[in-house]
Structures are given as structure tokens and as C-alpha cells.
Amino acid sequence: MAKTQLGARVDSEVKELAEARARDRGLSLGDYIAVLVHEDTEGLRQRGLDAAERFLTEHQGVFDEAEDADCRTTGAHAA
């Protein structure tokens, strides 16, 4: 497939984050952006977010109990 160049203006922080994430995934910045667009247009990202929301909704009680248990822990604490 032929490649087309495109340009986008973003804050330097966004650029640095994108470059770092691309490196983490072993991709060039251009390939990383292409993957993001494909994931978004194919609905992969949204399906992942929906699955995460369902998981948290279903298991929120477990997380709440663990957090409450941590708060009730007594004993010596490092100063």
C-alpha cells in the first residue's frame, strides 16, 4: 500500500508521549498513529474500554473491600 504523508500540530508533551509509546510498542511514530486510527475505526479501542468498564462494574466490590481492609490495618507504621 502506498504511503501518504500527513502533518499535524500537537503540543510538545503530546509529541513526546506519542514517541515514547511508539518506542514501547516497537513502532515508528507514523506506524503508531496508523495503528491508533485502525483501532479506533475498527472499534477495538471502544470494545476494550467497554470490557474494562464491565469488569470494574462487576468486581468493584472486591476492590472496595481490599481498599477498606488497607485502611483498617493497625500496628506499627514507619515514620
C-alpha atoms as a PDB file:
ATOM      1  CA  MET A   1       0.000   0.000   0.000  1.00  0.00           C
ATOM      2  CA  ALA A   2       1.304   3.451  -0.901  1.00  0.00           C
ATOM      3  CA  LYS A   3       2.099   5.768   1.963  1.00  0.00           C
ATOM      4  CA  THR A   4       0.863   9.348   2.150  1.00  0.00           C
ATOM      5  CA  GLN A   5       2.481  11.978   4.308  1.00  0.00           C
ATOM      6  CA  LEU A   6       0.323  13.978   6.659  1.00  0.00           C
ATOM      7  CA  GLY A   7       1.071  16.693   9.154  1.00  0.00           C
ATOM      8  CA  ALA A   8      -0.434  17.517  12.486  1.00  0.00           C
ATOM      9  CA  ARG A   9       0.314  20.158  15.061  1.00  0.00           C
ATOM     10  CA  VAL A  10       0.336  18.956  18.650  1.00  0.00           C
ATOM     11  CA  ASP A  11       1.770  20.176  21.932  1.00  0.00           C
ATOM     12  CA  SER A  12       5.341  19.076  22.608  1.00  0.00           C
ATOM     13  CA  GLU A  13       4.067  16.997  25.540  1.00  0.00           C
ATOM     14  CA  VAL A  14       1.707  15.056  23.252  1.00  0.00           C
ATOM     15  CA  LYS A  15       4.535  14.506  20.774  1.00  0.00           C
ATOM     16  CA  GLU A  16       6.835  13.181  23.491  1.00  0.00           C
ATOM     17  CA  LEU A  17       4.128  10.866  24.830  1.00  0.00           C
ATOM     18  CA  ALA A  18       3.366   9.544  21.354  1.00  0.00           C
ATOM     19  CA  GLU A  19       7.040   8.952  20.582  1.00  0.00           C
ATOM     20  CA  ALA A  20       7.571   7.154  23.890  1.00  0.00           C
ATOM     21  CA  ARG A  21       4.527   4.934  23.395  1.00  0.00           C
ATOM     22  CA  ALA A  22       5.581   4.168  19.824  1.00  0.00           C
ATOM     23  CA  ARG A  23       9.025   3.107  21.108  1.00  0.00           C
ATOM     24  CA  ASP A  24       7.381   0.959  23.794  1.00  0.00           C
ATOM     25  CA  ARG A  25       5.440  -0.850  21.070  1.00  0.00           C
ATOM     26  CA  GLY A  26       8.435  -1.118  18.745  1.00  0.00           C
ATOM     27  CA  LEU A  27       6.826   1.122  16.130  1.00  0.00           C
ATOM     28  CA  SER A  28       7.734   4.264  14.287  1.00  0.00           C
ATOM     29  CA  LEU A  29       5.650   7.284  15.174  1.00  0.00           C
ATOM     30  CA  GLY A  30       3.854   7.077  11.824  1.00  0.00           C
ATOM     31  CA  ASP A  31       3.055   3.373  12.275  1.00  0.00           C
ATOM     32  CA  TYR A  32       1.867   4.012  15.833  1.00  0.00           C
ATOM     33  CA  ILE A  33      -0.537   6.701  14.637  1.00  0.00           C
ATOM     34  CA  ALA A  34      -1.780   4.367  11.882  1.00  0.00           C
ATOM     35  CA  VAL A  35      -2.433   1.637  14.481  1.00  0.00           C
ATOM     36  CA  LEU A  36      -4.384   4.080  16.652  1.00  0.00           C
ATOM     37  CA  VAL A  37      -6.537   5.126  13.708  1.00  0.00           C
ATOM     38  CA  HIS A  38      -7.197   1.499  12.733  1.00  0.00           C
ATOM     39  CA  GLU A  39      -8.068   0.528  16.300  1.00  0.00           C
ATOM     40  CA  ASP A  40     -10.414   3.489  16.597  1.00  0.00           C
ATOM     41  CA  THR A  41     -12.169   2.991  13.276  1.00  0.00           C
ATOM     42  CA  GLU A  42     -12.494  -0.771  13.755  1.00  0.00           C
ATOM     43  CA  GLY A  43     -13.950  -0.258  17.222  1.00  0.00           C
ATOM     44  CA  LEU A  44     -11.169  -2.175  19.004  1.00  0.00           C
ATOM     45  CA  ARG A  45     -10.424   0.658  21.387  1.00  0.00           C
ATOM     46  CA  GLN A  46     -14.055   1.143  22.317  1.00  0.00           C
ATOM     47  CA  ARG A  47     -14.603  -2.585  22.809  1.00  0.00           C
ATOM     48  CA  GLY A  48     -11.587  -2.669  25.117  1.00  0.00           C
ATOM     49  CA  LEU A  49     -12.883   0.288  27.116  1.00  0.00           C
ATOM     50  CA  ASP A  50     -16.330  -1.294  27.320  1.00  0.00           C
ATOM     51  CA  ALA A  51     -14.826  -4.576  28.550  1.00  0.00           C
ATOM     52  CA  ALA A  52     -12.792  -2.732  31.198  1.00  0.00           C
ATOM     53  CA  GLU A  53     -15.912  -0.889  32.360  1.00  0.00           C
ATOM     54  CA  ARG A  54     -17.880  -4.151  32.614  1.00  0.00           C
ATOM     55  CA  PHE A  55     -15.042  -5.760  34.588  1.00  0.00           C
ATOM     56  CA  LEU A  56     -14.829  -2.865  37.032  1.00  0.00           C
ATOM     57  CA  THR A  57     -18.596  -2.716  37.448  1.00  0.00           C
ATOM     58  CA  GLU A  58     -18.765  -6.444  38.108  1.00  0.00           C
ATOM     59  CA  HIS A  59     -15.833  -6.569  40.517  1.00  0.00           C
ATOM     60  CA  GLN A  60     -15.903  -3.120  42.147  1.00  0.00           C
ATOM     61  CA  GLY A  61     -16.925  -4.653  45.474  1.00  0.00           C
ATOM     62  CA  VAL A  62     -13.705  -6.684  45.635  1.00  0.00           C
ATOM     63  CA  PHE A  63     -11.606  -3.565  45.088  1.00  0.00           C
ATOM     64  CA  ASP A  64     -13.625  -1.632  47.670  1.00  0.00           C
ATOM     65  CA  GLU A  65     -13.178  -4.389  50.263  1.00  0.00           C
ATOM     66  CA  ALA A  66      -9.427  -4.528  49.670  1.00  0.00           C
ATOM     67  CA  GLU A  67      -9.136  -0.768  49.985  1.00  0.00           C
ATOM     68  CA  ASP A  68     -11.214  -0.750  53.175  1.00  0.00           C
ATOM     69  CA  ALA A  69      -9.043  -3.524  54.636  1.00  0.00           C
ATOM     70  CA  ASP A  70      -5.903  -1.498  53.911  1.00  0.00           C
ATOM     71  CA  CYS A  71      -7.390   1.497  55.700  1.00  0.00           C
ATOM     72  CA  ARG A  72      -8.267  -0.552  58.791  1.00  0.00           C
ATOM     73  CA  THR A  73      -4.819  -2.107  59.171  1.00  0.00           C
ATOM     74  CA  THR A  74      -3.390  -1.241  62.570  1.00  0.00           C
ATOM     75  CA  GLY A  75       0.037  -1.684  64.016  1.00  0.00           C
ATOM     76  CA  ALA A  76       3.386  -0.013  63.887  1.00  0.00           C
ATOM     77  CA  HIS A  77       3.991   2.225  60.928  1.00  0.00           C
ATOM     78  CA  ALA A  78       7.298   3.526  59.709  1.00  0.00           C
ATOM     79  CA  ALA A  79       7.772   7.193  60.424  1.00  0.00           C
END
